[in-house]
Amino acid sequence: MPSRVSHASSTTDVIHLSVRSAQLLHLAAQGLLRRRTRKAKRADIEATIAAMGILQIDTINVVARSPYMVLFSRLGAYRNEWLDEALADGGIAECWAHEASFVPSSEYHYHRDYRSGRGGHWAHKSAARTRAEAGADMDLLLERIRSEGPLRAADFERDAPAAKGWWGWKPEKRWLEAWFALGALMVTRRERFQRVYDLAERVTARWAVPPTAGTMEEAQIRRHFVLETVRALGVARARWIADYFRLRPRVTDAELAPLLAEGLLIEVAVEGWEEAAYVHRDHASWLDEAAGNLLRATRTTLLSPFDPVVWDRARALDLFGFE
C-alpha cells in the first residue's frame, strides 16, 4: 500500500516516495520508462510531443538533429519524415516556447498569447530591435509573402556577404525570424529542415481545429502551463516548474496551493527533499505504483542534450544527482 503521512497543518494525507520512485515516475511521464511493445506509427509522433508538451528544436546535426533524437529515445526506429509531415499537416506547430519548439497545434494559442509573458526572452528582444531598425523592409517582405505565398530564406537572393555573428544570417532571414517571433509569420512546413514561412492566419486556417480568436488572460495561460509542466515532468518541485515553458516569475508553493485545493495536483513527499513535490492528478495511477515501489525501468536509451529530461541542469542534478 502507498505510504502516507498526515501533516499537522493539513487534513490531507501526503504520499511518501523514495528518490528512486520519483525518478521512475518522471521517466514514466516522459515516455522513457518501459520498452515499447510495438513498432512506432505515424500517429505516435504527435502523441509523444503531446505527452512531453513540447519538443525543442536545435539545428546542430552530428548524429542527428535533436528533435529526431528525442523522438527516437522514446519511439525507437521511426521514419524521420513523420515529424515533417506532422508539421505540414497541422498536427503540430512551431513557436517560441521553452526555446524554438514544436508544440501540439491544440496548444498553440496558449503560446501565441503568452508572448507578453516572454517579453524578456532574447528572441523577442531581438525581434523588437529588428522591427525598430528595419520596419519598412520587414513590411515589404511580409507583403511579398502575402502576394507570392510561402517562402524560405533562400528565396530571397542577396549578393552581399552574410552578417557576422553566431548564425551569420542575411537581413531577410533576420526579418523572417523577427516576424516569426512577433507572430505575423509561422512555419508552414520544412524542406530539408529549412523553414518555409507563411502568414500565420493562412497556416492556422489549414488546421483541423484552428486556434481560438481573441487573447486569453495571462493568469489563465500561466495556470495552464503550470499544470502542463507538472503533468509532463511526472513529479515536480515548485522551483522546477517555471523553466519548462519559460514562465516569469518563478512558481512558488503558495501559487500551487489553489491547484491542490481543487484536486488538480497531488502533494507528495520525496525522501531527502525538504520541499514538497507535486504530481498531476492524471498520473494518480502511476503515483500509486511509485508509492508501492511497483514501477520498473525496462530500457536504456541515449538522450539528446536538448531532451526535456536533461535540458534543465539544476533539475537533473536535483532528481538524478547527475551533473
C-alpha atoms as a PDB file:
ATOM      1  CA  MET A   1       0.000   0.000   0.000  1.00  0.00           C
ATOM      2  CA  PRO A   2       1.200   3.598  -0.642  1.00  0.00           C
ATOM      3  CA  SER A   3       2.925   5.209   2.329  1.00  0.00           C
ATOM      4  CA  ARG A   4       1.123   8.291   3.573  1.00  0.00           C
ATOM      5  CA  VAL A   5       1.805  10.817   6.309  1.00  0.00           C
ATOM      6  CA  SER A   6      -0.618  13.337   7.759  1.00  0.00           C
ATOM      7  CA  HIS A   7       0.694  16.884   8.206  1.00  0.00           C
ATOM      8  CA  ALA A   8      -0.462  18.707  11.326  1.00  0.00           C
ATOM      9  CA  SER A   9      -1.321  21.751   9.185  1.00  0.00           C
ATOM     10  CA  SER A  10      -3.478  19.735   6.792  1.00  0.00           C
ATOM     11  CA  THR A  11      -6.134  17.077   6.906  1.00  0.00           C
ATOM     12  CA  THR A  12      -4.839  15.659   3.623  1.00  0.00           C
ATOM     13  CA  ASP A  13      -2.596  12.616   3.674  1.00  0.00           C
ATOM     14  CA  VAL A  14       0.650  13.199   1.774  1.00  0.00           C
ATOM     15  CA  ILE A  15       2.091  10.265  -0.159  1.00  0.00           C
ATOM     16  CA  HIS A  16       5.736   9.385   0.514  1.00  0.00           C
ATOM     17  CA  LEU A  17       8.067   8.405  -2.326  1.00  0.00           C
ATOM     18  CA  SER A  18      11.639   7.194  -2.375  1.00  0.00           C
ATOM     19  CA  VAL A  19      14.003   9.130  -4.613  1.00  0.00           C
ATOM     20  CA  ARG A  20      14.160   6.138  -6.958  1.00  0.00           C
ATOM     21  CA  SER A  21      10.371   6.031  -7.224  1.00  0.00           C
ATOM     22  CA  ALA A  22      10.323   9.765  -8.016  1.00  0.00           C
ATOM     23  CA  GLN A  23      12.881   9.199 -10.769  1.00  0.00           C
ATOM     24  CA  LEU A  24      10.827   6.375 -12.262  1.00  0.00           C
ATOM     25  CA  LEU A  25       7.629   8.418 -12.129  1.00  0.00           C
ATOM     26  CA  HIS A  26       9.406  11.191 -14.021  1.00  0.00           C
ATOM     27  CA  LEU A  27      10.647   8.748 -16.672  1.00  0.00           C
ATOM     28  CA  ALA A  28       7.166   7.234 -16.993  1.00  0.00           C
ATOM     29  CA  ALA A  29       5.614  10.633 -17.661  1.00  0.00           C
ATOM     30  CA  GLN A  30       8.313  11.378 -20.228  1.00  0.00           C
ATOM     31  CA  GLY A  31       7.727   8.118 -22.075  1.00  0.00           C
ATOM     32  CA  LEU A  32      11.131   6.697 -21.213  1.00  0.00           C
ATOM     33  CA  LEU A  33      10.374   4.084 -18.548  1.00  0.00           C
ATOM     34  CA  ARG A  34       9.416   0.969 -20.450  1.00  0.00           C
ATOM     35  CA  ARG A  35      10.425  -0.665 -23.705  1.00  0.00           C
ATOM     36  CA  ARG A  36       7.767  -0.319 -26.390  1.00  0.00           C
ATOM     37  CA  THR A  37       5.919  -3.487 -27.334  1.00  0.00           C
ATOM     38  CA  ARG A  38       5.144  -2.476 -30.927  1.00  0.00           C
ATOM     39  CA  LYS A  39       6.720  -0.606 -33.805  1.00  0.00           C
ATOM     40  CA  ALA A  40       6.220   3.152 -33.981  1.00  0.00           C
ATOM     41  CA  LYS A  41       3.374   4.520 -36.079  1.00  0.00           C
ATOM     42  CA  ARG A  42       2.861   7.926 -37.696  1.00  0.00           C
ATOM     43  CA  ALA A  43       0.343   8.957 -35.004  1.00  0.00           C
ATOM     44  CA  ASP A  44       2.942   8.315 -32.281  1.00  0.00           C
ATOM     45  CA  ILE A  45       4.833  11.461 -33.300  1.00  0.00           C
ATOM     46  CA  GLU A  46       2.031  13.794 -32.260  1.00  0.00           C
ATOM     47  CA  ALA A  47       1.132  11.674 -29.221  1.00  0.00           C
ATOM     48  CA  THR A  48       4.723  11.750 -27.968  1.00  0.00           C
ATOM     49  CA  ILE A  49       5.008  15.519 -28.389  1.00  0.00           C
ATOM     50  CA  ALA A  50       1.669  15.930 -26.600  1.00  0.00           C
ATOM     51  CA  ALA A  51       2.923  13.812 -23.685  1.00  0.00           C
ATOM     52  CA  MET A  52       6.066  15.950 -23.356  1.00  0.00           C
ATOM     53  CA  GLY A  53       4.109  19.134 -24.078  1.00  0.00           C
ATOM     54  CA  ILE A  54       6.995  20.435 -26.134  1.00  0.00           C
ATOM     55  CA  LEU A  55       9.823  19.275 -28.424  1.00  0.00           C
ATOM     56  CA  GLN A  56      12.761  21.663 -28.516  1.00  0.00           C
ATOM     57  CA  ILE A  57      14.290  22.377 -31.925  1.00  0.00           C
ATOM     58  CA  ASP A  58      18.020  22.653 -32.482  1.00  0.00           C
ATOM     59  CA  THR A  59      19.652  22.619 -35.898  1.00  0.00           C
ATOM     60  CA  ILE A  60      23.034  21.200 -34.810  1.00  0.00           C
ATOM     61  CA  ASN A  61      23.429  17.980 -36.774  1.00  0.00           C
ATOM     62  CA  VAL A  62      26.077  15.494 -35.618  1.00  0.00           C
ATOM     63  CA  VAL A  63      24.420  12.095 -35.255  1.00  0.00           C
ATOM     64  CA  ALA A  64      21.011  13.600 -35.993  1.00  0.00           C
ATOM     65  CA  ARG A  65      19.224  16.843 -35.220  1.00  0.00           C
ATOM     66  CA  SER A  66      17.953  16.976 -31.671  1.00  0.00           C
ATOM     67  CA  PRO A  67      14.183  16.721 -32.235  1.00  0.00           C
ATOM     68  CA  TYR A  68      14.635  13.498 -34.193  1.00  0.00           C
ATOM     69  CA  MET A  69      16.869  12.113 -31.424  1.00  0.00           C
ATOM     70  CA  VAL A  70      14.368  12.972 -28.686  1.00  0.00           C
ATOM     71  CA  LEU A  71      11.645  11.101 -30.554  1.00  0.00           C
ATOM     72  CA  PHE A  72      13.970   8.147 -31.220  1.00  0.00           C
ATOM     73  CA  SER A  73      14.713   7.899 -27.489  1.00  0.00           C
ATOM     74  CA  ARG A  74      11.003   7.315 -26.882  1.00  0.00           C
ATOM     75  CA  LEU A  75       9.805   5.552 -30.036  1.00  0.00           C
ATOM     76  CA  GLY A  76      12.787   3.597 -31.264  1.00  0.00           C
ATOM     77  CA  ALA A  77      13.084   3.323 -35.033  1.00  0.00           C
ATOM     78  CA  TYR A  78      10.652   5.513 -36.949  1.00  0.00           C
ATOM     79  CA  ARG A  79      10.595   7.472 -40.202  1.00  0.00           C
ATOM     80  CA  ASN A  80      12.058  10.966 -39.783  1.00  0.00           C
ATOM     81  CA  GLU A  81       9.688  12.390 -42.360  1.00  0.00           C
ATOM     82  CA  TRP A  82       6.786  11.700 -39.991  1.00  0.00           C
ATOM     83  CA  LEU A  83       7.831  14.728 -37.934  1.00  0.00           C
ATOM     84  CA  ASP A  84       7.965  16.892 -41.060  1.00  0.00           C
ATOM     85  CA  GLU A  85       4.558  15.588 -42.128  1.00  0.00           C
ATOM     86  CA  ALA A  86       3.038  16.336 -38.722  1.00  0.00           C
ATOM     87  CA  LEU A  87       4.117  19.965 -39.133  1.00  0.00           C
ATOM     88  CA  ALA A  88       2.921  20.234 -42.732  1.00  0.00           C
ATOM     89  CA  ASP A  89      -0.412  18.591 -41.848  1.00  0.00           C
ATOM     90  CA  GLY A  90      -1.023  20.942 -38.923  1.00  0.00           C
ATOM     91  CA  GLY A  91      -0.891  18.369 -36.133  1.00  0.00           C
ATOM     92  CA  ILE A  92       1.979  20.287 -34.550  1.00  0.00           C
ATOM     93  CA  ALA A  93       3.142  23.890 -34.772  1.00  0.00           C
ATOM     94  CA  GLU A  94       6.419  25.761 -34.379  1.00  0.00           C
ATOM     95  CA  CYS A  95       6.677  28.624 -31.918  1.00  0.00           C
ATOM     96  CA  TRP A  96       8.858  30.072 -29.197  1.00  0.00           C
ATOM     97  CA  ALA A  97       8.096  28.131 -26.029  1.00  0.00           C
ATOM     98  CA  HIS A  98      10.967  26.746 -23.911  1.00  0.00           C
ATOM     99  CA  GLU A  99      13.097  27.787 -26.849  1.00  0.00           C
ATOM    100  CA  ALA A 100      12.195  27.346 -30.507  1.00  0.00           C
ATOM    101  CA  SER A 101       9.953  24.294 -30.281  1.00  0.00           C
ATOM    102  CA  PHE A 102       7.345  22.043 -31.787  1.00  0.00           C
ATOM    103  CA  VAL A 103       4.125  22.020 -29.762  1.00  0.00           C
ATOM    104  CA  PRO A 104       0.741  20.354 -30.344  1.00  0.00           C
ATOM    105  CA  SER A 105      -1.291  22.650 -32.571  1.00  0.00           C
ATOM    106  CA  SER A 106      -4.064  22.426 -29.963  1.00  0.00           C
ATOM    107  CA  GLU A 107      -1.686  24.175 -27.534  1.00  0.00           C
ATOM    108  CA  TYR A 108      -0.524  26.883 -29.925  1.00  0.00           C
ATOM    109  CA  HIS A 109      -2.988  29.553 -28.759  1.00  0.00           C
ATOM    110  CA  TYR A 110      -1.509  29.443 -25.255  1.00  0.00           C
ATOM    111  CA  HIS A 111       1.954  30.079 -26.649  1.00  0.00           C
ATOM    112  CA  ARG A 112       0.644  32.715 -29.055  1.00  0.00           C
ATOM    113  CA  ASP A 113      -0.985  34.682 -26.242  1.00  0.00           C
ATOM    114  CA  TYR A 114       1.912  34.326 -23.793  1.00  0.00           C
ATOM    115  CA  ARG A 115       4.266  36.491 -25.835  1.00  0.00           C
ATOM    116  CA  SER A 116       3.925  39.308 -23.298  1.00  0.00           C
ATOM    117  CA  GLY A 117       4.989  36.948 -20.533  1.00  0.00           C
ATOM    118  CA  ARG A 118       8.080  36.001 -22.508  1.00  0.00           C
ATOM    119  CA  GLY A 119       8.920  39.608 -23.309  1.00  0.00           C
ATOM    120  CA  GLY A 120      12.314  39.248 -21.669  1.00  0.00           C
ATOM    121  CA  HIS A 121      13.324  36.319 -23.868  1.00  0.00           C
ATOM    122  CA  TRP A 122      16.237  37.051 -26.199  1.00  0.00           C
ATOM    123  CA  ALA A 123      14.242  36.132 -29.330  1.00  0.00           C
ATOM    124  CA  HIS A 124      11.536  38.680 -28.571  1.00  0.00           C
ATOM    125  CA  LYS A 125      14.045  41.362 -27.632  1.00  0.00           C
ATOM    126  CA  SER A 126      15.900  40.736 -30.870  1.00  0.00           C
ATOM    127  CA  ALA A 127      12.655  40.852 -32.886  1.00  0.00           C
ATOM    128  CA  ALA A 128      11.676  44.167 -31.329  1.00  0.00           C
ATOM    129  CA  ARG A 129      15.103  45.661 -32.143  1.00  0.00           C
ATOM    130  CA  THR A 130      14.949  44.376 -35.718  1.00  0.00           C
ATOM    131  CA  ARG A 131      11.457  45.802 -36.175  1.00  0.00           C
ATOM    132  CA  ALA A 132      12.601  49.206 -34.906  1.00  0.00           C
ATOM    133  CA  GLU A 133      15.663  49.202 -37.172  1.00  0.00           C
ATOM    134  CA  ALA A 134      14.174  47.771 -40.378  1.00  0.00           C
ATOM    135  CA  GLY A 135      10.423  48.256 -40.144  1.00  0.00           C
ATOM    136  CA  ALA A 136       9.939  49.334 -43.770  1.00  0.00           C
ATOM    137  CA  ASP A 137      11.968  46.436 -45.147  1.00  0.00           C
ATOM    138  CA  MET A 138      10.114  43.988 -42.914  1.00  0.00           C
ATOM    139  CA  ASP A 139       6.783  45.327 -44.176  1.00  0.00           C
ATOM    140  CA  LEU A 140       7.890  44.798 -47.793  1.00  0.00           C
ATOM    141  CA  LEU A 141       8.989  41.250 -47.004  1.00  0.00           C
ATOM    142  CA  LEU A 142       5.648  40.494 -45.371  1.00  0.00           C
ATOM    143  CA  GLU A 143       3.776  41.841 -48.397  1.00  0.00           C
ATOM    144  CA  ARG A 144       5.840  39.654 -50.721  1.00  0.00           C
ATOM    145  CA  ILE A 145       4.816  36.547 -48.765  1.00  0.00           C
ATOM    146  CA  ARG A 146       1.229  37.768 -48.727  1.00  0.00           C
ATOM    147  CA  SER A 147       1.203  38.013 -52.528  1.00  0.00           C
ATOM    148  CA  GLU A 148       3.521  35.143 -53.527  1.00  0.00           C
ATOM    149  CA  GLY A 149       2.766  32.599 -50.824  1.00  0.00           C
ATOM    150  CA  PRO A 150       5.137  30.595 -48.576  1.00  0.00           C
ATOM    151  CA  LEU A 151       8.852  31.378 -48.922  1.00  0.00           C
ATOM    152  CA  ARG A 152      12.176  30.249 -47.475  1.00  0.00           C
ATOM    153  CA  ALA A 153      15.064  32.488 -46.546  1.00  0.00           C
ATOM    154  CA  ALA A 154      16.841  31.003 -49.585  1.00  0.00           C
ATOM    155  CA  ASP A 155      14.155  32.509 -51.831  1.00  0.00           C
ATOM    156  CA  PHE A 156      15.479  35.988 -51.031  1.00  0.00           C
ATOM    157  CA  GLU A 157      18.627  36.292 -53.143  1.00  0.00           C
ATOM    158  CA  ARG A 158      21.392  38.584 -51.974  1.00  0.00           C
ATOM    159  CA  ASP A 159      24.847  39.182 -53.405  1.00  0.00           C
ATOM    160  CA  ALA A 160      26.252  40.894 -50.305  1.00  0.00           C
ATOM    161  CA  PRO A 161      28.079  38.702 -47.748  1.00  0.00           C
ATOM    162  CA  ALA A 162      26.157  37.417 -44.747  1.00  0.00           C
ATOM    163  CA  ALA A 163      26.365  39.253 -41.450  1.00  0.00           C
ATOM    164  CA  LYS A 164      28.956  38.249 -38.882  1.00  0.00           C
ATOM    165  CA  GLY A 165      27.796  36.536 -35.708  1.00  0.00           C
ATOM    166  CA  TRP A 166      26.694  33.166 -34.369  1.00  0.00           C
ATOM    167  CA  TRP A 167      24.433  32.311 -37.318  1.00  0.00           C
ATOM    168  CA  GLY A 168      25.663  34.744 -39.968  1.00  0.00           C
ATOM    169  CA  TRP A 169      22.120  35.441 -41.109  1.00  0.00           C
ATOM    170  CA  LYS A 170      21.417  37.714 -44.050  1.00  0.00           C
ATOM    171  CA  PRO A 171      18.970  40.559 -43.364  1.00  0.00           C
ATOM    172  CA  GLU A 172      16.000  38.758 -44.907  1.00  0.00           C
ATOM    173  CA  LYS A 173      16.500  35.773 -42.617  1.00  0.00           C
ATOM    174  CA  ARG A 174      16.599  38.091 -39.604  1.00  0.00           C
ATOM    175  CA  TRP A 175      13.405  39.784 -40.793  1.00  0.00           C
ATOM    176  CA  LEU A 176      11.682  36.437 -41.292  1.00  0.00           C
ATOM    177  CA  GLU A 177      12.713  35.323 -37.824  1.00  0.00           C
ATOM    178  CA  ALA A 178      11.572  38.623 -36.329  1.00  0.00           C
ATOM    179  CA  TRP A 179       8.121  38.256 -37.884  1.00  0.00           C
ATOM    180  CA  PHE A 180       8.061  34.654 -36.641  1.00  0.00           C
ATOM    181  CA  ALA A 181       8.825  35.771 -33.082  1.00  0.00           C
ATOM    182  CA  LEU A 182       6.269  38.577 -33.334  1.00  0.00           C
ATOM    183  CA  GLY A 183       3.616  36.147 -34.564  1.00  0.00           C
ATOM    184  CA  ALA A 184       2.844  37.520 -38.023  1.00  0.00           C
ATOM    185  CA  LEU A 185       4.585  34.583 -39.730  1.00  0.00           C
ATOM    186  CA  MET A 186       4.571  30.894 -38.898  1.00  0.00           C
ATOM    187  CA  VAL A 187       6.380  27.881 -40.281  1.00  0.00           C
ATOM    188  CA  THR A 188       4.040  26.060 -42.625  1.00  0.00           C
ATOM    189  CA  ARG A 189       6.488  23.208 -43.366  1.00  0.00           C
ATOM    190  CA  ARG A 190      10.190  22.421 -43.552  1.00  0.00           C
ATOM    191  CA  GLU A 191      12.212  21.460 -46.617  1.00  0.00           C
ATOM    192  CA  ARG A 192      15.451  19.699 -45.692  1.00  0.00           C
ATOM    193  CA  PHE A 193      14.895  21.223 -42.267  1.00  0.00           C
ATOM    194  CA  GLN A 194      14.783  24.756 -43.723  1.00  0.00           C
ATOM    195  CA  ARG A 195      11.808  26.747 -42.530  1.00  0.00           C
ATOM    196  CA  VAL A 196       9.141  27.696 -45.051  1.00  0.00           C
ATOM    197  CA  TYR A 197       7.314  30.783 -43.765  1.00  0.00           C
ATOM    198  CA  ASP A 198       3.740  31.858 -44.424  1.00  0.00           C
ATOM    199  CA  LEU A 199       1.241  34.251 -42.890  1.00  0.00           C
ATOM    200  CA  ALA A 200       0.106  32.960 -39.509  1.00  0.00           C
ATOM    201  CA  GLU A 201      -3.561  33.205 -40.420  1.00  0.00           C
ATOM    202  CA  ARG A 202      -3.041  31.066 -43.527  1.00  0.00           C
ATOM    203  CA  VAL A 203      -1.123  28.409 -41.597  1.00  0.00           C
ATOM    204  CA  THR A 204      -3.683  28.047 -38.818  1.00  0.00           C
ATOM    205  CA  ALA A 205      -6.625  28.116 -41.255  1.00  0.00           C
ATOM    206  CA  ARG A 206      -5.480  24.696 -42.569  1.00  0.00           C
ATOM    207  CA  TRP A 207      -5.602  23.063 -39.130  1.00  0.00           C
ATOM    208  CA  ALA A 208      -8.412  20.678 -38.263  1.00  0.00           C
ATOM    209  CA  VAL A 209      -9.170  22.873 -35.248  1.00  0.00           C
ATOM    210  CA  PRO A 210      -7.880  26.449 -35.769  1.00  0.00           C
ATOM    211  CA  PRO A 211      -6.782  28.297 -32.606  1.00  0.00           C
ATOM    212  CA  THR A 212      -9.372  30.338 -30.755  1.00  0.00           C
ATOM    213  CA  ALA A 213      -9.730  34.003 -31.645  1.00  0.00           C
ATOM    214  CA  GLY A 214      -9.113  36.731 -29.093  1.00  0.00           C
ATOM    215  CA  THR A 215      -6.472  36.882 -26.415  1.00  0.00           C
ATOM    216  CA  MET A 216      -6.598  34.877 -23.212  1.00  0.00           C
ATOM    217  CA  GLU A 217      -5.781  36.382 -19.842  1.00  0.00           C
ATOM    218  CA  GLU A 218      -2.188  35.826 -18.816  1.00  0.00           C
ATOM    219  CA  ALA A 219      -3.256  34.302 -15.483  1.00  0.00           C
ATOM    220  CA  GLN A 220      -5.271  31.657 -17.360  1.00  0.00           C
ATOM    221  CA  ILE A 221      -2.296  30.857 -19.585  1.00  0.00           C
ATOM    222  CA  ARG A 222       0.104  30.658 -16.658  1.00  0.00           C
ATOM    223  CA  ARG A 223      -2.213  28.314 -14.761  1.00  0.00           C
ATOM    224  CA  HIS A 224      -2.431  26.074 -17.828  1.00  0.00           C
ATOM    225  CA  PHE A 225       1.338  25.953 -18.291  1.00  0.00           C
ATOM    226  CA  VAL A 226       1.916  25.199 -14.604  1.00  0.00           C
ATOM    227  CA  LEU A 227      -0.428  22.207 -14.779  1.00  0.00           C
ATOM    228  CA  GLU A 228       1.020  21.041 -18.101  1.00  0.00           C
ATOM    229  CA  THR A 229       4.543  21.201 -16.700  1.00  0.00           C
ATOM    230  CA  VAL A 230       3.721  19.106 -13.646  1.00  0.00           C
ATOM    231  CA  ARG A 231       1.965  16.597 -15.903  1.00  0.00           C
ATOM    232  CA  ALA A 232       4.937  16.433 -18.299  1.00  0.00           C
ATOM    233  CA  LEU A 233       7.503  16.092 -15.511  1.00  0.00           C
ATOM    234  CA  GLY A 234       5.592  13.401 -13.624  1.00  0.00           C
ATOM    235  CA  VAL A 235       6.801  14.757 -10.285  1.00  0.00           C
ATOM    236  CA  ALA A 236       7.981  18.330  -9.753  1.00  0.00           C
ATOM    237  CA  ARG A 237       9.168  20.745  -7.123  1.00  0.00           C
ATOM    238  CA  ALA A 238       7.717  24.239  -7.411  1.00  0.00           C
ATOM    239  CA  ARG A 239      11.080  25.726  -8.361  1.00  0.00           C
ATOM    240  CA  TRP A 240      11.426  23.356 -11.324  1.00  0.00           C
ATOM    241  CA  ILE A 241       8.209  24.435 -12.995  1.00  0.00           C
ATOM    242  CA  ALA A 242       8.947  27.859 -14.499  1.00  0.00           C
ATOM    243  CA  ASP A 243      11.804  26.676 -16.719  1.00  0.00           C
ATOM    244  CA  TYR A 244       9.745  24.229 -18.772  1.00  0.00           C
ATOM    245  CA  PHE A 245       7.680  26.882 -20.578  1.00  0.00           C
ATOM    246  CA  ARG A 246       9.833  29.882 -19.562  1.00  0.00           C
ATOM    247  CA  LEU A 247       7.331  31.314 -17.074  1.00  0.00           C
ATOM    248  CA  ARG A 248       8.060  34.569 -15.262  1.00  0.00           C
ATOM    249  CA  PRO A 249       8.233  34.959 -12.286  1.00  0.00           C
ATOM    250  CA  ARG A 250       9.181  31.623 -10.740  1.00  0.00           C
ATOM    251  CA  VAL A 251       6.438  29.357  -9.451  1.00  0.00           C
ATOM    252  CA  THR A 252       6.058  29.008  -5.679  1.00  0.00           C
ATOM    253  CA  ASP A 253       4.339  26.550  -3.349  1.00  0.00           C
ATOM    254  CA  ALA A 254       1.856  29.305  -2.465  1.00  0.00           C
ATOM    255  CA  GLU A 255       0.849  29.593  -6.122  1.00  0.00           C
ATOM    256  CA  LEU A 256       0.250  25.830  -6.275  1.00  0.00           C
ATOM    257  CA  ALA A 257      -1.930  25.728  -3.141  1.00  0.00           C
ATOM    258  CA  PRO A 258      -5.195  26.524  -5.011  1.00  0.00           C
ATOM    259  CA  LEU A 259      -4.440  23.770  -7.539  1.00  0.00           C
ATOM    260  CA  LEU A 260      -4.014  21.335  -4.662  1.00  0.00           C
ATOM    261  CA  ALA A 261      -7.282  22.511  -3.136  1.00  0.00           C
ATOM    262  CA  GLU A 262      -9.067  21.923  -6.462  1.00  0.00           C
ATOM    263  CA  GLY A 263      -7.669  18.410  -6.669  1.00  0.00           C
ATOM    264  CA  LEU A 264      -5.741  19.135  -9.860  1.00  0.00           C
ATOM    265  CA  LEU A 265      -2.401  18.440  -8.185  1.00  0.00           C
ATOM    266  CA  ILE A 266      -1.418  15.888  -5.553  1.00  0.00           C
ATOM    267  CA  GLU A 267       1.216  16.728  -2.957  1.00  0.00           C
ATOM    268  CA  VAL A 268       3.946  14.159  -2.321  1.00  0.00           C
ATOM    269  CA  ALA A 269       6.935  13.992  -0.005  1.00  0.00           C
ATOM    270  CA  VAL A 270      10.122  12.584  -1.512  1.00  0.00           C
ATOM    271  CA  GLU A 271      12.724  11.078   0.764  1.00  0.00           C
ATOM    272  CA  GLY A 272      15.525  13.578   1.439  1.00  0.00           C
ATOM    273  CA  TRP A 273      13.737  16.534  -0.170  1.00  0.00           C
ATOM    274  CA  GLU A 274      12.956  19.377   2.202  1.00  0.00           C
ATOM    275  CA  GLU A 275      10.434  20.909  -0.200  1.00  0.00           C
ATOM    276  CA  ALA A 276       7.081  19.495  -1.223  1.00  0.00           C
ATOM    277  CA  ALA A 277       6.722  17.869  -4.615  1.00  0.00           C
ATOM    278  CA  TYR A 278       3.658  17.655  -6.850  1.00  0.00           C
ATOM    279  CA  VAL A 279       2.046  15.144  -9.195  1.00  0.00           C
ATOM    280  CA  HIS A 280      -0.731  15.863 -11.699  1.00  0.00           C
ATOM    281  CA  ARG A 281      -3.981  14.055 -10.971  1.00  0.00           C
ATOM    282  CA  ASP A 282      -3.813  12.451 -14.425  1.00  0.00           C
ATOM    283  CA  HIS A 283      -0.886  10.405 -13.113  1.00  0.00           C
ATOM    284  CA  ALA A 284      -2.646   9.145  -9.964  1.00  0.00           C
ATOM    285  CA  SER A 285      -2.340   5.504 -11.047  1.00  0.00           C
ATOM    286  CA  TRP A 286       1.390   5.866 -11.718  1.00  0.00           C
ATOM    287  CA  LEU A 287       1.721   7.612  -8.366  1.00  0.00           C
ATOM    288  CA  ASP A 288       0.145   4.631  -6.602  1.00  0.00           C
ATOM    289  CA  GLU A 289       2.571   2.318  -8.386  1.00  0.00           C
ATOM    290  CA  ALA A 290       5.506   4.556  -7.487  1.00  0.00           C
ATOM    291  CA  ALA A 291       4.464   4.736  -3.828  1.00  0.00           C
ATOM    292  CA  GLY A 292       4.196   0.952  -3.750  1.00  0.00           C
ATOM    293  CA  ASN A 293       7.636   0.579  -5.389  1.00  0.00           C
ATOM    294  CA  LEU A 294       5.972  -1.140  -8.331  1.00  0.00           C
ATOM    295  CA  LEU A 295       7.396   0.974 -11.180  1.00  0.00           C
ATOM    296  CA  ARG A 296      10.234  -0.692 -13.069  1.00  0.00           C
ATOM    297  CA  ALA A 297      12.546   0.661 -15.765  1.00  0.00           C
ATOM    298  CA  THR A 298      12.936  -1.833 -18.609  1.00  0.00           C
ATOM    299  CA  ARG A 299      15.039   0.025 -21.152  1.00  0.00           C
ATOM    300  CA  THR A 300      18.216   2.004 -21.756  1.00  0.00           C
ATOM    301  CA  THR A 301      18.446   4.786 -24.333  1.00  0.00           C
ATOM    302  CA  LEU A 302      20.557   7.770 -25.319  1.00  0.00           C
ATOM    303  CA  LEU A 303      19.349  11.322 -24.646  1.00  0.00           C
ATOM    304  CA  SER A 304      19.913  14.460 -26.665  1.00  0.00           C
ATOM    305  CA  PRO A 305      21.332  17.391 -24.629  1.00  0.00           C
ATOM    306  CA  PHE A 306      18.056  19.140 -25.533  1.00  0.00           C
ATOM    307  CA  ASP A 307      15.865  16.358 -24.159  1.00  0.00           C
ATOM    308  CA  PRO A 308      13.357  17.617 -21.543  1.00  0.00           C
ATOM    309  CA  VAL A 309      14.819  15.174 -19.010  1.00  0.00           C
ATOM    310  CA  VAL A 310      18.207  16.912 -19.007  1.00  0.00           C
ATOM    311  CA  TRP A 311      17.815  20.401 -20.501  1.00  0.00           C
ATOM    312  CA  ASP A 312      17.313  21.900 -17.007  1.00  0.00           C
ATOM    313  CA  ARG A 313      20.664  21.088 -15.424  1.00  0.00           C
ATOM    314  CA  ALA A 314      19.576  22.108 -11.920  1.00  0.00           C
ATOM    315  CA  ARG A 315      16.558  19.778 -12.116  1.00  0.00           C
ATOM    316  CA  ALA A 316      18.646  16.899 -13.461  1.00  0.00           C
ATOM    317  CA  LEU A 317      21.101  17.373 -10.596  1.00  0.00           C
ATOM    318  CA  ASP A 318      18.300  17.513  -8.004  1.00  0.00           C
ATOM    319  CA  LEU A 319      16.457  14.482  -9.336  1.00  0.00           C
ATOM    320  CA  PHE A 320      19.243  12.201 -10.592  1.00  0.00           C
ATOM    321  CA  GLY A 321      22.370  13.566  -8.911  1.00  0.00           C
ATOM    322  CA  PHE A 322      23.632  13.994 -12.489  1.00  0.00           C
ATOM    323  CA  GLU A 323      25.912  16.941 -13.326  1.00  0.00           C
END
